[in-house]
Amino acid sequence: MKKVCFLVVAIFSLFILSAQAQTNPTLTETPVTLKTLSTTISGTLASPNGVSGKIPVVLIIAGTGPIDRNGNSEKLNIKADTYKLLAEALGKAGIASLRYDKRMVGENQTHQKEDNLRFDDYVDDAIALINMLKNDQRFSNVVVLGHGDGSLAGILAAADTEEATTAFISVEGLGRRADVLLKEQMKSKPGYMSDGFNKILDSLKVGSVQKKVDISLYPYIRPSIQNYMMSWLRFDPTDEIKKLKIPVLIVQGTTDLEIPVIEGDKLKHVRSSYTYAVMRGMNYVLRDAPADKDKNLATYTQPQLPLKPELVSTVVDFIKGLK
């Protein structure tokens, strides 16, 4: 996560100029490939058509798990097109965006093994992309938008690129350390599972990996992801976001089954100058959704549903209000 040799961005970044087939006449989507010292990042640059002069650009950082550039995941049964729809909404407002596949997902299928992945890798990828966008003369402001766990990655990346990042937007981001929320989420599991999970988590907090894990806990804390989790648990979002000296927008939905509103409250209370928008009835995939679990989760596989209109207008107004 250190500012090391990001001149590689200028040397190795490559925009592939052949545009993809367009489904939205107001938008041009162009594949982007960025080679760094540790990986090759693949993404999509969405640029509004018919706009002259420099325009703002938003770097969209994906949330928890193996999520692709569009906001989907076969492993997690998510087919919501959240980031694709967000890019389209921004484009209609004259704002460009760059969304990309996380490591080991989509076109970013590297030879990196799961047990070698660290949270810092996600931060480094965001830093490289921020610097690339800053060096692109087409753009005026570079805004970082992090969703879910991408909020923390975005906070850390923005703090490391003070001269390149104009503003930061947290959408459904954590306000407490991850272990606090993870323990709360595991309370819904049988006692033997939550107790076993908590013991391993406490061990990771003091730097000790546990190789012996009950098979029931493998989806949550198997040995091959414990080093990643250990690297993630180091960060307290409220400690990190207070380092930002740029405009900050925090957005939190009231029917999010993953991230409760208290997380947004925690981030907001760090500094009174932060803009805080609570979206009534918005869930984790940024749709209008009821609190009922089954009906809420049904929206995760309904890409035809529009994003919460108030979310779009809030984000657009914030970006257009930047100097």
C-alpha atoms as a PDB file:
ATOM      1  CA  MET A   1       0.000   0.000   0.000  1.00  0.00           C
ATOM      2  CA  LYS A   2       2.998   2.260   0.055  1.00  0.00           C
ATOM      3  CA  LYS A   3       3.528   4.812  -2.672  1.00  0.00           C
ATOM      4  CA  VAL A   4       6.044   2.664  -4.502  1.00  0.00           C
ATOM      5  CA  CYS A   5       6.965   3.119  -8.110  1.00  0.00           C
ATOM      6  CA  PHE A   6       3.544   3.944  -9.461  1.00  0.00           C
ATOM      7  CA  LEU A   7       5.300   5.404 -12.465  1.00  0.00           C
ATOM      8  CA  VAL A   8       4.605   1.900 -13.741  1.00  0.00           C
ATOM      9  CA  VAL A   9       1.095   3.159 -14.308  1.00  0.00           C
ATOM     10  CA  ALA A  10       2.276   5.544 -16.978  1.00  0.00           C
ATOM     11  CA  ILE A  11       4.607   2.963 -18.449  1.00  0.00           C
ATOM     12  CA  PHE A  12       2.392  -0.104 -18.502  1.00  0.00           C
ATOM     13  CA  SER A  13      -1.158   1.203 -18.642  1.00  0.00           C
ATOM     14  CA  LEU A  14      -2.958   0.449 -21.868  1.00  0.00           C
ATOM     15  CA  PHE A  15      -6.340   1.643 -23.043  1.00  0.00           C
ATOM     16  CA  ILE A  16      -7.754  -0.723 -25.637  1.00  0.00           C
ATOM     17  CA  LEU A  17      -9.535   1.701 -27.900  1.00  0.00           C
ATOM     18  CA  SER A  18     -11.922  -0.622 -29.675  1.00  0.00           C
ATOM     19  CA  ALA A  19     -15.266   0.029 -28.005  1.00  0.00           C
ATOM     20  CA  GLN A  20     -17.600  -2.792 -27.098  1.00  0.00           C
ATOM     21  CA  ALA A  21     -20.981  -3.162 -28.694  1.00  0.00           C
ATOM     22  CA  GLN A  22     -23.126  -0.381 -27.308  1.00  0.00           C
ATOM     23  CA  THR A  23     -26.411  -1.070 -25.573  1.00  0.00           C
ATOM     24  CA  ASN A  24     -26.793   2.504 -24.310  1.00  0.00           C
ATOM     25  CA  PRO A  25     -26.581   5.234 -26.986  1.00  0.00           C
ATOM     26  CA  THR A  26     -25.695   7.851 -24.371  1.00  0.00           C
ATOM     27  CA  LEU A  27     -22.613   5.932 -23.282  1.00  0.00           C
ATOM     28  CA  THR A  28     -19.444   4.504 -24.807  1.00  0.00           C
ATOM     29  CA  GLU A  29     -17.894   1.566 -22.944  1.00  0.00           C
ATOM     30  CA  THR A  30     -14.222   0.867 -23.577  1.00  0.00           C
ATOM     31  CA  PRO A  31     -12.161  -2.050 -22.229  1.00  0.00           C
ATOM     32  CA  VAL A  32      -9.239  -1.003 -20.041  1.00  0.00           C
ATOM     33  CA  THR A  33      -6.189  -3.050 -19.105  1.00  0.00           C
ATOM     34  CA  LEU A  34      -3.675  -1.872 -16.523  1.00  0.00           C
ATOM     35  CA  LYS A  35      -0.493  -3.830 -15.873  1.00  0.00           C
ATOM     36  CA  THR A  36       1.246  -3.296 -12.541  1.00  0.00           C
ATOM     37  CA  LEU A  37       4.183  -5.046 -10.908  1.00  0.00           C
ATOM     38  CA  SER A  38       1.925  -7.627  -9.255  1.00  0.00           C
ATOM     39  CA  THR A  39      -1.110  -8.123 -11.503  1.00  0.00           C
ATOM     40  CA  THR A  40      -3.066  -7.117 -14.595  1.00  0.00           C
ATOM     41  CA  ILE A  41      -6.310  -5.270 -13.894  1.00  0.00           C
ATOM     42  CA  SER A  42      -9.163  -5.490 -16.382  1.00  0.00           C
ATOM     43  CA  GLY A  43     -12.038  -3.046 -16.350  1.00  0.00           C
ATOM     44  CA  THR A  44     -14.521  -0.986 -18.310  1.00  0.00           C
ATOM     45  CA  LEU A  45     -14.376   2.753 -18.829  1.00  0.00           C
ATOM     46  CA  ALA A  46     -17.864   4.208 -19.369  1.00  0.00           C
ATOM     47  CA  SER A  47     -17.799   7.644 -20.999  1.00  0.00           C
ATOM     48  CA  PRO A  48     -20.841   9.817 -21.730  1.00  0.00           C
ATOM     49  CA  ASN A  49     -21.367  10.714 -25.370  1.00  0.00           C
ATOM     50  CA  GLY A  50     -21.756  14.251 -26.628  1.00  0.00           C
ATOM     51  CA  VAL A  51     -19.929  15.904 -23.720  1.00  0.00           C
ATOM     52  CA  SER A  52     -17.187  18.423 -24.458  1.00  0.00           C
ATOM     53  CA  GLY A  53     -14.293  19.415 -22.220  1.00  0.00           C
ATOM     54  CA  LYS A  54     -12.943  17.651 -19.163  1.00  0.00           C
ATOM     55  CA  ILE A  55     -15.402  15.674 -17.084  1.00  0.00           C
ATOM     56  CA  PRO A  56     -15.294  13.989 -13.649  1.00  0.00           C
ATOM     57  CA  VAL A  57     -14.616  10.266 -13.440  1.00  0.00           C
ATOM     58  CA  VAL A  58     -15.639   7.832 -10.696  1.00  0.00           C
ATOM     59  CA  LEU A  59     -13.574   4.778  -9.766  1.00  0.00           C
ATOM     60  CA  ILE A  60     -16.056   2.117  -8.586  1.00  0.00           C
ATOM     61  CA  ILE A  61     -14.549  -0.354  -6.106  1.00  0.00           C
ATOM     62  CA  ALA A  62     -16.513  -3.569  -5.667  1.00  0.00           C
ATOM     63  CA  GLY A  63     -17.783  -4.976  -2.390  1.00  0.00           C
ATOM     64  CA  THR A  64     -17.354  -8.195  -0.457  1.00  0.00           C
ATOM     65  CA  GLY A  65     -16.342 -11.457  -2.095  1.00  0.00           C
ATOM     66  CA  PRO A  66     -15.610 -12.547  -5.674  1.00  0.00           C
ATOM     67  CA  ILE A  67     -17.474  -9.693  -7.383  1.00  0.00           C
ATOM     68  CA  ASP A  68     -16.890  -8.736 -11.004  1.00  0.00           C
ATOM     69  CA  ARG A  69     -16.866  -5.286 -12.586  1.00  0.00           C
ATOM     70  CA  ASN A  70     -20.638  -5.298 -13.100  1.00  0.00           C
ATOM     71  CA  GLY A  71     -21.411  -6.218  -9.499  1.00  0.00           C
ATOM     72  CA  ASN A  72     -22.158  -9.898 -10.087  1.00  0.00           C
ATOM     73  CA  SER A  73     -20.890 -13.182  -8.665  1.00  0.00           C
ATOM     74  CA  GLU A  74     -21.740 -16.762  -9.654  1.00  0.00           C
ATOM     75  CA  LYS A  75     -20.331 -18.077  -6.383  1.00  0.00           C
ATOM     76  CA  LEU A  76     -22.487 -15.739  -4.304  1.00  0.00           C
ATOM     77  CA  ASN A  77     -25.529 -16.052  -6.598  1.00  0.00           C
ATOM     78  CA  ILE A  78     -25.586 -12.312  -7.296  1.00  0.00           C
ATOM     79  CA  LYS A  79     -26.784 -11.142 -10.695  1.00  0.00           C
ATOM     80  CA  ALA A  80     -27.807  -7.553 -10.016  1.00  0.00           C
ATOM     81  CA  ASP A  81     -25.619  -5.542 -12.440  1.00  0.00           C
ATOM     82  CA  THR A  82     -25.282  -2.961  -9.656  1.00  0.00           C
ATOM     83  CA  TYR A  83     -22.077  -1.318 -10.900  1.00  0.00           C
ATOM     84  CA  LYS A  84     -23.084  -1.520 -14.546  1.00  0.00           C
ATOM     85  CA  LEU A  85     -26.320   0.292 -13.778  1.00  0.00           C
ATOM     86  CA  LEU A  86     -24.456   2.830 -11.653  1.00  0.00           C
ATOM     87  CA  ALA A  87     -22.069   3.509 -14.541  1.00  0.00           C
ATOM     88  CA  GLU A  88     -25.026   4.039 -16.878  1.00  0.00           C
ATOM     89  CA  ALA A  89     -26.703   6.423 -14.430  1.00  0.00           C
ATOM     90  CA  LEU A  90     -23.512   8.435 -14.002  1.00  0.00           C
ATOM     91  CA  GLY A  91     -23.029   8.538 -17.764  1.00  0.00           C
ATOM     92  CA  LYS A  92     -26.500  10.014 -18.274  1.00  0.00           C
ATOM     93  CA  ALA A  93     -25.448  12.799 -15.900  1.00  0.00           C
ATOM     94  CA  GLY A  94     -22.268  13.505 -17.885  1.00  0.00           C
ATOM     95  CA  ILE A  95     -19.942  11.665 -15.501  1.00  0.00           C
ATOM     96  CA  ALA A  96     -17.469   8.979 -16.592  1.00  0.00           C
ATOM     97  CA  SER A  97     -16.701   5.892 -14.535  1.00  0.00           C
ATOM     98  CA  LEU A  98     -14.267   3.005 -14.353  1.00  0.00           C
ATOM     99  CA  ARG A  99     -15.340  -0.324 -12.901  1.00  0.00           C
ATOM    100  CA  TYR A 100     -13.088  -3.379 -12.773  1.00  0.00           C
ATOM    101  CA  ASP A 101     -12.840  -7.043 -11.837  1.00  0.00           C
ATOM    102  CA  LYS A 102     -11.371  -7.851  -8.449  1.00  0.00           C
ATOM    103  CA  ARG A 103      -8.347 -10.135  -8.267  1.00  0.00           C
ATOM    104  CA  MET A 104      -9.092 -13.761  -9.140  1.00  0.00           C
ATOM    105  CA  VAL A 105     -12.435 -12.714 -10.683  1.00  0.00           C
ATOM    106  CA  GLY A 106     -13.637 -12.296 -14.275  1.00  0.00           C
ATOM    107  CA  GLU A 107     -10.830 -11.241 -16.624  1.00  0.00           C
ATOM    108  CA  ASN A 108      -8.532 -10.651 -13.668  1.00  0.00           C
ATOM    109  CA  GLN A 109      -7.878 -14.373 -13.300  1.00  0.00           C
ATOM    110  CA  THR A 110      -4.224 -14.290 -12.281  1.00  0.00           C
ATOM    111  CA  HIS A 111      -2.081 -17.124 -11.007  1.00  0.00           C
ATOM    112  CA  GLN A 112      -2.375 -15.688  -7.504  1.00  0.00           C
ATOM    113  CA  LYS A 113      -3.541 -18.271  -5.003  1.00  0.00           C
ATOM    114  CA  GLU A 114      -6.205 -17.606  -2.415  1.00  0.00           C
ATOM    115  CA  ASP A 115      -3.811 -18.055   0.475  1.00  0.00           C
ATOM    116  CA  ASN A 116      -1.518 -15.368  -0.960  1.00  0.00           C
ATOM    117  CA  LEU A 117      -4.250 -12.738  -1.294  1.00  0.00           C
ATOM    118  CA  ARG A 118      -4.187  -9.784   1.097  1.00  0.00           C
ATOM    119  CA  PHE A 119      -6.559  -6.871   1.644  1.00  0.00           C
ATOM    120  CA  ASP A 120      -3.646  -4.598   0.770  1.00  0.00           C
ATOM    121  CA  ASP A 121      -3.728  -6.044  -2.768  1.00  0.00           C
ATOM    122  CA  TYR A 122      -7.161  -4.506  -3.318  1.00  0.00           C
ATOM    123  CA  VAL A 123      -5.892  -1.191  -2.000  1.00  0.00           C
ATOM    124  CA  ASP A 124      -2.842  -1.279  -4.278  1.00  0.00           C
ATOM    125  CA  ASP A 125      -5.055  -1.972  -7.303  1.00  0.00           C
ATOM    126  CA  ALA A 126      -7.225   1.037  -6.469  1.00  0.00           C
ATOM    127  CA  ILE A 127      -4.164   3.248  -5.989  1.00  0.00           C
ATOM    128  CA  ALA A 128      -2.804   2.255  -9.390  1.00  0.00           C
ATOM    129  CA  LEU A 129      -6.121   3.002 -11.087  1.00  0.00           C
ATOM    130  CA  ILE A 130      -6.510   6.353  -9.309  1.00  0.00           C
ATOM    131  CA  ASN A 131      -3.100   7.445 -10.530  1.00  0.00           C
ATOM    132  CA  MET A 132      -3.888   6.269 -14.045  1.00  0.00           C
ATOM    133  CA  LEU A 133      -7.112   8.295 -14.111  1.00  0.00           C
ATOM    134  CA  LYS A 134      -5.370  11.339 -12.656  1.00  0.00           C
ATOM    135  CA  ASN A 135      -2.858  11.236 -15.512  1.00  0.00           C
ATOM    136  CA  ASP A 136      -5.620  11.054 -18.119  1.00  0.00           C
ATOM    137  CA  GLN A 137      -6.190  14.542 -19.529  1.00  0.00           C
ATOM    138  CA  ARG A 138      -9.840  13.801 -20.320  1.00  0.00           C
ATOM    139  CA  PHE A 139     -10.834  13.970 -16.677  1.00  0.00           C
ATOM    140  CA  SER A 140     -11.208  16.892 -14.284  1.00  0.00           C
ATOM    141  CA  ASN A 141     -11.883  15.282 -10.904  1.00  0.00           C
ATOM    142  CA  VAL A 142     -11.171  11.725  -9.782  1.00  0.00           C
ATOM    143  CA  VAL A 143     -13.800  10.495  -7.325  1.00  0.00           C
ATOM    144  CA  VAL A 144     -13.411   7.169  -5.504  1.00  0.00           C
ATOM    145  CA  LEU A 145     -16.612   5.232  -4.715  1.00  0.00           C
ATOM    146  CA  GLY A 146     -16.295   2.131  -2.556  1.00  0.00           C
ATOM    147  CA  HIS A 147     -19.170  -0.296  -2.000  1.00  0.00           C
ATOM    148  CA  GLY A 148     -19.273  -2.683   0.970  1.00  0.00           C
ATOM    149  CA  ASP A 149     -15.710  -3.777   1.756  1.00  0.00           C
ATOM    150  CA  GLY A 150     -14.677  -1.621  -1.181  1.00  0.00           C
ATOM    151  CA  SER A 151     -15.405   1.367   1.033  1.00  0.00           C
ATOM    152  CA  LEU A 152     -12.453   0.555   3.311  1.00  0.00           C
ATOM    153  CA  ALA A 153     -10.222  -0.191   0.324  1.00  0.00           C
ATOM    154  CA  GLY A 154     -11.273   3.147  -1.149  1.00  0.00           C
ATOM    155  CA  ILE A 155     -10.592   5.020   2.075  1.00  0.00           C
ATOM    156  CA  LEU A 156      -7.068   3.608   2.281  1.00  0.00           C
ATOM    157  CA  ALA A 157      -6.392   4.234  -1.415  1.00  0.00           C
ATOM    158  CA  ALA A 158      -7.712   7.801  -1.257  1.00  0.00           C
ATOM    159  CA  ALA A 159      -5.550   8.546   1.785  1.00  0.00           C
ATOM    160  CA  ASP A 160      -2.515   7.279  -0.145  1.00  0.00           C
ATOM    161  CA  THR A 161      -3.276   9.414  -3.202  1.00  0.00           C
ATOM    162  CA  GLU A 162      -4.113  12.777  -1.643  1.00  0.00           C
ATOM    163  CA  GLU A 163      -3.033  14.800  -4.654  1.00  0.00           C
ATOM    164  CA  ALA A 164      -4.892  12.598  -7.132  1.00  0.00           C
ATOM    165  CA  THR A 165      -8.224  11.936  -5.402  1.00  0.00           C
ATOM    166  CA  THR A 166     -10.772  14.756  -5.368  1.00  0.00           C
ATOM    167  CA  ALA A 167     -13.457  13.156  -3.196  1.00  0.00           C
ATOM    168  CA  PHE A 168     -14.554   9.875  -1.629  1.00  0.00           C
ATOM    169  CA  ILE A 169     -17.969   8.170  -1.533  1.00  0.00           C
ATOM    170  CA  SER A 170     -18.749   5.299   0.837  1.00  0.00           C
ATOM    171  CA  VAL A 171     -21.796   3.223  -0.112  1.00  0.00           C
ATOM    172  CA  GLU A 172     -22.884   0.567   2.399  1.00  0.00           C
ATOM    173  CA  GLY A 173     -19.422   0.667   3.984  1.00  0.00           C
ATOM    174  CA  LEU A 174     -18.305  -0.655   7.352  1.00  0.00           C
ATOM    175  CA  GLY A 175     -17.866   1.820  10.202  1.00  0.00           C
ATOM    176  CA  ARG A 176     -16.511  -0.712  12.675  1.00  0.00           C
ATOM    177  CA  ARG A 177     -13.706  -3.230  12.406  1.00  0.00           C
ATOM    178  CA  ALA A 178     -14.716  -6.239  10.362  1.00  0.00           C
ATOM    179  CA  ASP A 179     -14.420  -8.691  13.240  1.00  0.00           C
ATOM    180  CA  VAL A 180     -17.175  -6.882  15.163  1.00  0.00           C
ATOM    181  CA  LEU A 181     -19.673  -7.218  12.311  1.00  0.00           C
ATOM    182  CA  LEU A 182     -18.592 -10.771  11.464  1.00  0.00           C
ATOM    183  CA  LYS A 183     -19.237 -11.894  15.022  1.00  0.00           C
ATOM    184  CA  GLU A 184     -22.668 -10.290  14.949  1.00  0.00           C
ATOM    185  CA  GLN A 185     -23.506 -12.026  11.676  1.00  0.00           C
ATOM    186  CA  MET A 186     -22.450 -15.414  13.042  1.00  0.00           C
ATOM    187  CA  LYS A 187     -24.927 -15.138  15.918  1.00  0.00           C
ATOM    188  CA  SER A 188     -27.590 -16.465  13.554  1.00  0.00           C
ATOM    189  CA  LYS A 189     -25.642 -19.737  13.194  1.00  0.00           C
ATOM    190  CA  PRO A 190     -25.705 -22.687  15.614  1.00  0.00           C
ATOM    191  CA  GLY A 191     -23.741 -22.106  18.817  1.00  0.00           C
ATOM    192  CA  TYR A 192     -20.926 -24.520  17.973  1.00  0.00           C
ATOM    193  CA  MET A 193     -20.338 -22.668  14.698  1.00  0.00           C
ATOM    194  CA  SER A 194     -20.366 -19.153  16.144  1.00  0.00           C
ATOM    195  CA  ASP A 195     -18.145 -20.211  19.068  1.00  0.00           C
ATOM    196  CA  GLY A 196     -15.654 -21.890  16.759  1.00  0.00           C
ATOM    197  CA  PHE A 197     -15.665 -18.946  14.377  1.00  0.00           C
ATOM    198  CA  ASN A 198     -15.100 -16.435  17.167  1.00  0.00           C
ATOM    199  CA  LYS A 199     -12.164 -18.392  18.586  1.00  0.00           C
ATOM    200  CA  ILE A 200     -10.429 -18.488  15.212  1.00  0.00           C
ATOM    201  CA  LEU A 201     -11.183 -14.813  14.606  1.00  0.00           C
ATOM    202  CA  ASP A 202      -9.707 -13.865  17.978  1.00  0.00           C
ATOM    203  CA  SER A 203      -6.638 -15.897  17.111  1.00  0.00           C
ATOM    204  CA  LEU A 204      -6.250 -14.060  13.805  1.00  0.00           C
ATOM    205  CA  LYS A 205      -6.466 -10.701  15.588  1.00  0.00           C
ATOM    206  CA  VAL A 206      -3.282 -11.560  17.450  1.00  0.00           C
ATOM    207  CA  GLY A 207      -1.552 -12.876  14.324  1.00  0.00           C
ATOM    208  CA  SER A 208      -2.026 -16.626  14.665  1.00  0.00           C
ATOM    209  CA  VAL A 209      -3.414 -18.710  11.771  1.00  0.00           C
ATOM    210  CA  GLN A 210      -5.455 -21.780  12.682  1.00  0.00           C
ATOM    211  CA  LYS A 211      -5.018 -24.754  10.369  1.00  0.00           C
ATOM    212  CA  LYS A 212      -7.573 -26.986  12.069  1.00  0.00           C
ATOM    213  CA  VAL A 213     -11.012 -25.707  11.129  1.00  0.00           C
ATOM    214  CA  ASP A 214     -14.339 -27.506  11.448  1.00  0.00           C
ATOM    215  CA  ILE A 215     -15.702 -28.330   8.011  1.00  0.00           C
ATOM    216  CA  SER A 216     -18.873 -26.334   8.760  1.00  0.00           C
ATOM    217  CA  LEU A 217     -16.754 -23.182   8.998  1.00  0.00           C
ATOM    218  CA  TYR A 218     -14.884 -23.614   5.719  1.00  0.00           C
ATOM    219  CA  PRO A 219     -17.114 -21.209   3.773  1.00  0.00           C
ATOM    220  CA  TYR A 220     -16.393 -18.494   6.344  1.00  0.00           C
ATOM    221  CA  ILE A 221     -12.892 -18.901   7.722  1.00  0.00           C
ATOM    222  CA  ARG A 222     -11.052 -21.768   5.987  1.00  0.00           C
ATOM    223  CA  PRO A 223      -7.258 -21.818   6.413  1.00  0.00           C
ATOM    224  CA  SER A 224      -6.575 -20.522   2.893  1.00  0.00           C
ATOM    225  CA  ILE A 225      -8.344 -17.188   3.554  1.00  0.00           C
ATOM    226  CA  GLN A 226      -7.121 -16.604   7.096  1.00  0.00           C
ATOM    227  CA  ASN A 227      -4.094 -14.568   6.024  1.00  0.00           C
ATOM    228  CA  TYR A 228      -6.398 -12.348   3.981  1.00  0.00           C
ATOM    229  CA  MET A 229      -8.746 -11.916   6.919  1.00  0.00           C
ATOM    230  CA  MET A 230      -5.835 -11.146   9.229  1.00  0.00           C
ATOM    231  CA  SER A 231      -4.704  -8.378   6.863  1.00  0.00           C
ATOM    232  CA  TRP A 232      -8.277  -7.022   6.735  1.00  0.00           C
ATOM    233  CA  LEU A 233      -8.795  -7.003  10.502  1.00  0.00           C
ATOM    234  CA  ARG A 234      -5.889  -4.605  10.992  1.00  0.00           C
ATOM    235  CA  PHE A 235      -7.960  -1.642   9.873  1.00  0.00           C
ATOM    236  CA  ASP A 236     -10.565   0.332  11.780  1.00  0.00           C
ATOM    237  CA  PRO A 237     -12.587   2.308   9.196  1.00  0.00           C
ATOM    238  CA  THR A 238     -13.234   5.210  11.553  1.00  0.00           C
ATOM    239  CA  ASP A 239      -9.514   5.587  12.254  1.00  0.00           C
ATOM    240  CA  GLU A 240      -8.727   5.481   8.549  1.00  0.00           C
ATOM    241  CA  ILE A 241     -11.450   7.780   7.204  1.00  0.00           C
ATOM    242  CA  LYS A 242     -10.458  10.583   9.572  1.00  0.00           C
ATOM    243  CA  LYS A 243      -7.188  10.817   7.635  1.00  0.00           C
ATOM    244  CA  LEU A 244      -9.023  12.048   4.544  1.00  0.00           C
ATOM    245  CA  LYS A 245      -8.831  15.784   3.907  1.00  0.00           C
ATOM    246  CA  ILE A 246     -11.173  15.700   0.920  1.00  0.00           C
ATOM    247  CA  PRO A 247     -14.981  15.915   0.617  1.00  0.00           C
ATOM    248  CA  VAL A 248     -16.679  12.719   1.794  1.00  0.00           C
ATOM    249  CA  LEU A 249     -20.172  11.370   1.104  1.00  0.00           C
ATOM    250  CA  ILE A 250     -21.506   8.461   3.154  1.00  0.00           C
ATOM    251  CA  VAL A 251     -24.576   6.561   1.903  1.00  0.00           C
ATOM    252  CA  GLN A 252     -26.320   3.856   3.906  1.00  0.00           C
ATOM    253  CA  GLY A 253     -29.531   1.916   3.222  1.00  0.00           C
ATOM    254  CA  THR A 254     -32.015   0.971   5.920  1.00  0.00           C
ATOM    255  CA  THR A 255     -32.899  -2.496   4.551  1.00  0.00           C
ATOM    256  CA  ASP A 256     -29.351  -3.718   3.924  1.00  0.00           C
ATOM    257  CA  LEU A 257     -29.154  -7.286   5.226  1.00  0.00           C
ATOM    258  CA  GLU A 258     -25.329  -7.223   5.186  1.00  0.00           C
ATOM    259  CA  ILE A 259     -24.346  -3.798   6.546  1.00  0.00           C
ATOM    260  CA  PRO A 260     -26.632  -2.166   9.156  1.00  0.00           C
ATOM    261  CA  VAL A 261     -27.219   1.584   9.310  1.00  0.00           C
ATOM    262  CA  ILE A 262     -25.098   1.858  12.446  1.00  0.00           C
ATOM    263  CA  GLU A 263     -22.040   1.414  10.217  1.00  0.00           C
ATOM    264  CA  GLY A 264     -22.844   4.624   8.339  1.00  0.00           C
ATOM    265  CA  ASP A 265     -23.565   6.369  11.636  1.00  0.00           C
ATOM    266  CA  LYS A 266     -20.083   5.462  12.875  1.00  0.00           C
ATOM    267  CA  LEU A 267     -18.417   6.885   9.764  1.00  0.00           C
ATOM    268  CA  LYS A 268     -20.487  10.072   9.859  1.00  0.00           C
ATOM    269  CA  HIS A 269     -19.633  10.792  13.482  1.00  0.00           C
ATOM    270  CA  VAL A 270     -15.925  10.913  12.684  1.00  0.00           C
ATOM    271  CA  ARG A 271     -16.254  14.397  11.198  1.00  0.00           C
ATOM    272  CA  SER A 272     -19.190  16.833  11.070  1.00  0.00           C
ATOM    273  CA  SER A 273     -18.239  18.027   7.571  1.00  0.00           C
ATOM    274  CA  TYR A 274     -19.023  14.628   6.032  1.00  0.00           C
ATOM    275  CA  THR A 275     -22.229  14.457   4.009  1.00  0.00           C
ATOM    276  CA  TYR A 276     -24.459  11.629   5.230  1.00  0.00           C
ATOM    277  CA  ALA A 277     -27.438  10.264   3.311  1.00  0.00           C
ATOM    278  CA  VAL A 278     -29.622   7.516   4.770  1.00  0.00           C
ATOM    279  CA  MET A 279     -31.632   5.795   2.039  1.00  0.00           C
ATOM    280  CA  ARG A 280     -34.970   4.556   3.345  1.00  0.00           C
ATOM    281  CA  GLY A 281     -35.750   1.097   2.000  1.00  0.00           C
ATOM    282  CA  MET A 282     -32.459   0.586   0.122  1.00  0.00           C
ATOM    283  CA  ASN A 283     -30.641  -2.742   0.394  1.00  0.00           C
ATOM    284  CA  TYR A 284     -27.092  -3.932  -0.257  1.00  0.00           C
ATOM    285  CA  VAL A 285     -27.479  -4.123  -4.040  1.00  0.00           C
ATOM    286  CA  LEU A 286     -28.800  -0.536  -3.969  1.00  0.00           C
ATOM    287  CA  ARG A 287     -32.414  -1.352  -4.802  1.00  0.00           C
ATOM    288  CA  ASP A 288     -35.704  -0.520  -3.151  1.00  0.00           C
ATOM    289  CA  ALA A 289     -36.329  -3.624  -1.063  1.00  0.00           C
ATOM    290  CA  PRO A 290     -38.408  -4.641   1.964  1.00  0.00           C
ATOM    291  CA  ALA A 291     -36.908  -5.786   5.234  1.00  0.00           C
ATOM    292  CA  ASP A 292     -38.316  -9.281   4.636  1.00  0.00           C
ATOM    293  CA  LYS A 293     -35.242 -11.450   4.017  1.00  0.00           C
ATOM    294  CA  ASP A 294     -36.551 -13.592   1.168  1.00  0.00           C
ATOM    295  CA  LYS A 295     -38.045 -10.664  -0.753  1.00  0.00           C
ATOM    296  CA  ASN A 296     -34.915  -8.615  -0.126  1.00  0.00           C
ATOM    297  CA  LEU A 297     -32.590 -11.328  -1.403  1.00  0.00           C
ATOM    298  CA  ALA A 298     -34.762 -11.809  -4.474  1.00  0.00           C
ATOM    299  CA  THR A 299     -33.531  -8.433  -5.750  1.00  0.00           C
ATOM    300  CA  TYR A 300     -29.975  -9.827  -5.885  1.00  0.00           C
ATOM    301  CA  THR A 301     -30.928 -11.755  -9.026  1.00  0.00           C
ATOM    302  CA  GLN A 302     -33.135  -9.180 -10.722  1.00  0.00           C
ATOM    303  CA  PRO A 303     -30.867  -6.937 -12.806  1.00  0.00           C
ATOM    304  CA  GLN A 304     -33.904  -5.390 -14.499  1.00  0.00           C
ATOM    305  CA  LEU A 305     -34.777  -3.561 -11.278  1.00  0.00           C
ATOM    306  CA  PRO A 306     -33.596   0.071 -11.264  1.00  0.00           C
ATOM    307  CA  LEU A 307     -31.193   1.456  -8.706  1.00  0.00           C
ATOM    308  CA  LYS A 308     -32.673   3.471  -5.869  1.00  0.00           C
ATOM    309  CA  PRO A 309     -33.397   6.841  -7.555  1.00  0.00           C
ATOM    310  CA  GLU A 310     -32.412   8.839  -4.472  1.00  0.00           C
ATOM    311  CA  LEU A 311     -29.031   7.102  -4.433  1.00  0.00           C
ATOM    312  CA  VAL A 312     -28.311   8.169  -8.004  1.00  0.00           C
ATOM    313  CA  SER A 313     -29.397  11.770  -7.472  1.00  0.00           C
ATOM    314  CA  THR A 314     -27.430  12.049  -4.222  1.00  0.00           C
ATOM    315  CA  VAL A 315     -24.216  10.752  -5.782  1.00  0.00           C
ATOM    316  CA  VAL A 316     -24.600  12.879  -8.918  1.00  0.00           C
ATOM    317  CA  ASP A 317     -25.350  16.060  -6.941  1.00  0.00           C
ATOM    318  CA  PHE A 318     -22.337  15.447  -4.693  1.00  0.00           C
ATOM    319  CA  ILE A 319     -19.989  14.992  -7.649  1.00  0.00           C
ATOM    320  CA  LYS A 320     -21.326  17.987  -9.547  1.00  0.00           C
ATOM    321  CA  GLY A 321     -20.920  20.110  -6.439  1.00  0.00           C
ATOM    322  CA  LEU A 322     -17.178  19.491  -6.285  1.00  0.00           C
ATOM    323  CA  LYS A 323     -14.813  22.294  -7.287  1.00  0.00           C
END
